[in-house]
Amino acid sequence: MARLKVTQVRSEIGTKRNQRESLRSLGLKRINDVVVKEDRPEIRGMIFTVNHLVKVEEVE
């Protein structure tokens, strides 16, 4: 299964509560935090919610 490398590039300050919760659920706490997650629909949905705050790369 493919994996996604998610990097937080913008601050969560001033965002809506559901966006902050999505960042926390992804495991991102501060700018430049990086997590690698399985490519699943639930993860894709959280990334879609905060796509303006993160950068996503596909890794093997």
N, C-alpha and C. Protein backbone atom coordinates (compact mmCIF):
# COMPACT_ATOMS: atom_id res chain seq x y z
N MET A 1 0.84 -1.18 0.00
CA MET A 1 0.00 0.00 0.00
C MET A 1 0.89 1.25 0.00
N ALA A 2 0.47 2.25 -0.71
CA ALA A 2 1.23 3.50 -0.79
C ALA A 2 1.20 4.23 0.54
N ARG A 3 2.20 5.06 0.72
CA ARG A 3 2.28 5.86 1.93
C ARG A 3 2.40 7.33 1.53
N LEU A 4 1.90 8.20 2.40
CA LEU A 4 1.93 9.63 2.15
C LEU A 4 2.78 10.33 3.20
N LYS A 5 3.69 11.16 2.73
CA LYS A 5 4.51 11.98 3.63
C LYS A 5 3.84 13.35 3.71
N VAL A 6 3.39 13.71 4.91
CA VAL A 6 2.65 14.95 5.11
C VAL A 6 3.50 15.89 5.95
N THR A 7 3.73 17.11 5.43
CA THR A 7 4.52 18.12 6.12
C THR A 7 3.66 19.34 6.36
N GLN A 8 3.64 19.82 7.61
CA GLN A 8 2.91 21.05 7.91
C GLN A 8 3.77 22.23 7.50
N VAL A 9 3.22 23.10 6.64
CA VAL A 9 3.99 24.24 6.13
C VAL A 9 3.42 25.58 6.59
N ARG A 10 2.20 25.60 7.13
CA ARG A 10 1.60 26.84 7.63
C ARG A 10 1.03 26.61 9.02
N SER A 11 0.88 27.70 9.76
CA SER A 11 0.41 27.63 11.14
C SER A 11 -1.08 27.33 11.20
N GLU A 12 -1.48 26.73 12.31
CA GLU A 12 -2.90 26.45 12.54
C GLU A 12 -3.61 27.62 13.21
N ILE A 13 -2.88 28.66 13.58
CA ILE A 13 -3.48 29.82 14.25
C ILE A 13 -4.48 30.49 13.30
N GLY A 14 -5.66 30.75 13.80
CA GLY A 14 -6.69 31.42 13.01
C GLY A 14 -7.52 30.50 12.15
N THR A 15 -7.28 29.20 12.24
CA THR A 15 -8.06 28.26 11.43
C THR A 15 -9.28 27.78 12.23
N LYS A 16 -10.18 27.11 11.56
CA LYS A 16 -11.38 26.59 12.21
C LYS A 16 -11.02 25.39 13.08
N ARG A 17 -11.90 25.11 14.03
CA ARG A 17 -11.64 24.03 14.98
C ARG A 17 -11.45 22.67 14.30
N ASN A 18 -12.28 22.37 13.29
CA ASN A 18 -12.16 21.07 12.63
C ASN A 18 -10.83 20.93 11.90
N GLN A 19 -10.27 22.04 11.42
CA GLN A 19 -8.97 22.00 10.76
C GLN A 19 -7.87 21.74 11.78
N ARG A 20 -7.94 22.39 12.93
CA ARG A 20 -6.95 22.15 13.99
C ARG A 20 -7.01 20.70 14.46
N GLU A 21 -8.22 20.17 14.59
CA GLU A 21 -8.39 18.78 15.02
C GLU A 21 -7.86 17.81 13.98
N SER A 22 -8.02 18.13 12.70
CA SER A 22 -7.49 17.27 11.64
C SER A 22 -5.96 17.24 11.69
N LEU A 23 -5.35 18.40 11.92
CA LEU A 23 -3.88 18.44 12.04
C LEU A 23 -3.42 17.58 13.21
N ARG A 24 -4.09 17.68 14.34
CA ARG A 24 -3.72 16.88 15.52
C ARG A 24 -3.91 15.40 15.24
N SER A 25 -4.99 15.05 14.57
CA SER A 25 -5.25 13.65 14.25
C SER A 25 -4.20 13.08 13.31
N LEU A 26 -3.68 13.93 12.44
CA LEU A 26 -2.60 13.50 11.55
C LEU A 26 -1.28 13.40 12.29
N GLY A 27 -1.19 13.99 13.48
CA GLY A 27 0.04 13.94 14.26
C GLY A 27 0.94 15.14 14.04
N LEU A 28 0.38 16.21 13.49
CA LEU A 28 1.16 17.42 13.22
C LEU A 28 0.91 18.43 14.33
N LYS A 29 2.01 18.94 14.92
CA LYS A 29 1.88 19.86 16.05
C LYS A 29 2.46 21.23 15.75
N ARG A 30 3.43 21.31 14.86
CA ARG A 30 4.06 22.60 14.59
C ARG A 30 4.54 22.64 13.14
N ILE A 31 4.90 23.82 12.68
CA ILE A 31 5.39 23.98 11.32
C ILE A 31 6.64 23.12 11.13
N ASN A 32 6.76 22.50 9.98
CA ASN A 32 7.84 21.61 9.57
C ASN A 32 7.79 20.23 10.23
N ASP A 33 6.72 19.92 10.95
CA ASP A 33 6.53 18.55 11.42
C ASP A 33 6.22 17.67 10.22
N VAL A 34 6.77 16.45 10.23
CA VAL A 34 6.57 15.52 9.13
C VAL A 34 6.05 14.20 9.70
N VAL A 35 5.03 13.65 9.07
CA VAL A 35 4.52 12.33 9.42
C VAL A 35 4.35 11.52 8.14
N VAL A 36 4.46 10.21 8.26
CA VAL A 36 4.21 9.32 7.13
C VAL A 36 3.01 8.46 7.49
N LYS A 37 1.99 8.53 6.67
CA LYS A 37 0.74 7.81 6.93
C LYS A 37 0.40 6.90 5.76
N GLU A 38 -0.37 5.85 6.06
CA GLU A 38 -0.90 4.98 5.01
C GLU A 38 -1.88 5.76 4.15
N ASP A 39 -1.92 5.45 2.87
CA ASP A 39 -2.84 6.13 1.95
C ASP A 39 -4.21 5.46 2.04
N ARG A 40 -5.05 6.00 2.94
CA ARG A 40 -6.40 5.48 3.14
C ARG A 40 -7.40 6.61 2.97
N PRO A 41 -8.66 6.29 2.71
CA PRO A 41 -9.67 7.34 2.51
C PRO A 41 -9.81 8.27 3.71
N GLU A 42 -9.68 7.75 4.94
CA GLU A 42 -9.81 8.59 6.13
C GLU A 42 -8.69 9.62 6.19
N ILE A 43 -7.48 9.19 5.87
CA ILE A 43 -6.32 10.08 5.88
C ILE A 43 -6.45 11.11 4.76
N ARG A 44 -6.88 10.66 3.58
CA ARG A 44 -7.08 11.58 2.46
C ARG A 44 -8.10 12.66 2.82
N GLY A 45 -9.15 12.30 3.54
CA GLY A 45 -10.16 13.26 3.94
C GLY A 45 -9.60 14.31 4.89
N MET A 46 -8.77 13.87 5.85
CA MET A 46 -8.16 14.83 6.78
C MET A 46 -7.20 15.76 6.04
N ILE A 47 -6.45 15.20 5.09
CA ILE A 47 -5.52 16.02 4.30
C ILE A 47 -6.30 17.03 3.46
N PHE A 48 -7.42 16.60 2.88
CA PHE A 48 -8.23 17.51 2.07
C PHE A 48 -8.73 18.69 2.91
N THR A 49 -9.07 18.42 4.17
CA THR A 49 -9.55 19.48 5.06
C THR A 49 -8.49 20.55 5.31
N VAL A 50 -7.22 20.14 5.35
CA VAL A 50 -6.14 21.08 5.68
C VAL A 50 -5.14 21.22 4.54
N ASN A 51 -5.60 21.02 3.30
CA ASN A 51 -4.66 21.02 2.18
C ASN A 51 -3.94 22.35 1.99
N HIS A 52 -4.48 23.44 2.52
CA HIS A 52 -3.81 24.74 2.40
C HIS A 52 -2.75 24.92 3.49
N LEU A 53 -2.67 24.00 4.44
CA LEU A 53 -1.70 24.10 5.52
C LEU A 53 -0.58 23.07 5.41
N VAL A 54 -0.71 22.09 4.53
CA VAL A 54 0.25 20.99 4.46
C VAL A 54 0.75 20.79 3.03
N LYS A 55 1.87 20.07 2.94
CA LYS A 55 2.42 19.63 1.67
C LYS A 55 2.44 18.10 1.71
N VAL A 56 2.00 17.47 0.64
CA VAL A 56 1.87 16.01 0.61
C VAL A 56 2.73 15.44 -0.50
N GLU A 57 3.48 14.38 -0.17
CA GLU A 57 4.29 13.66 -1.15
C GLU A 57 4.01 12.17 -1.00
N GLU A 58 4.03 11.46 -2.09
CA GLU A 58 3.85 10.02 -2.05
C GLU A 58 5.23 9.36 -1.94
N VAL A 59 5.37 8.45 -0.98
CA VAL A 59 6.63 7.73 -0.80
C VAL A 59 6.37 6.25 -0.89
N GLU A 60 7.39 5.51 -1.20
CA GLU A 60 7.27 4.06 -1.34
C GLU A 60 7.52 3.36 -0.02
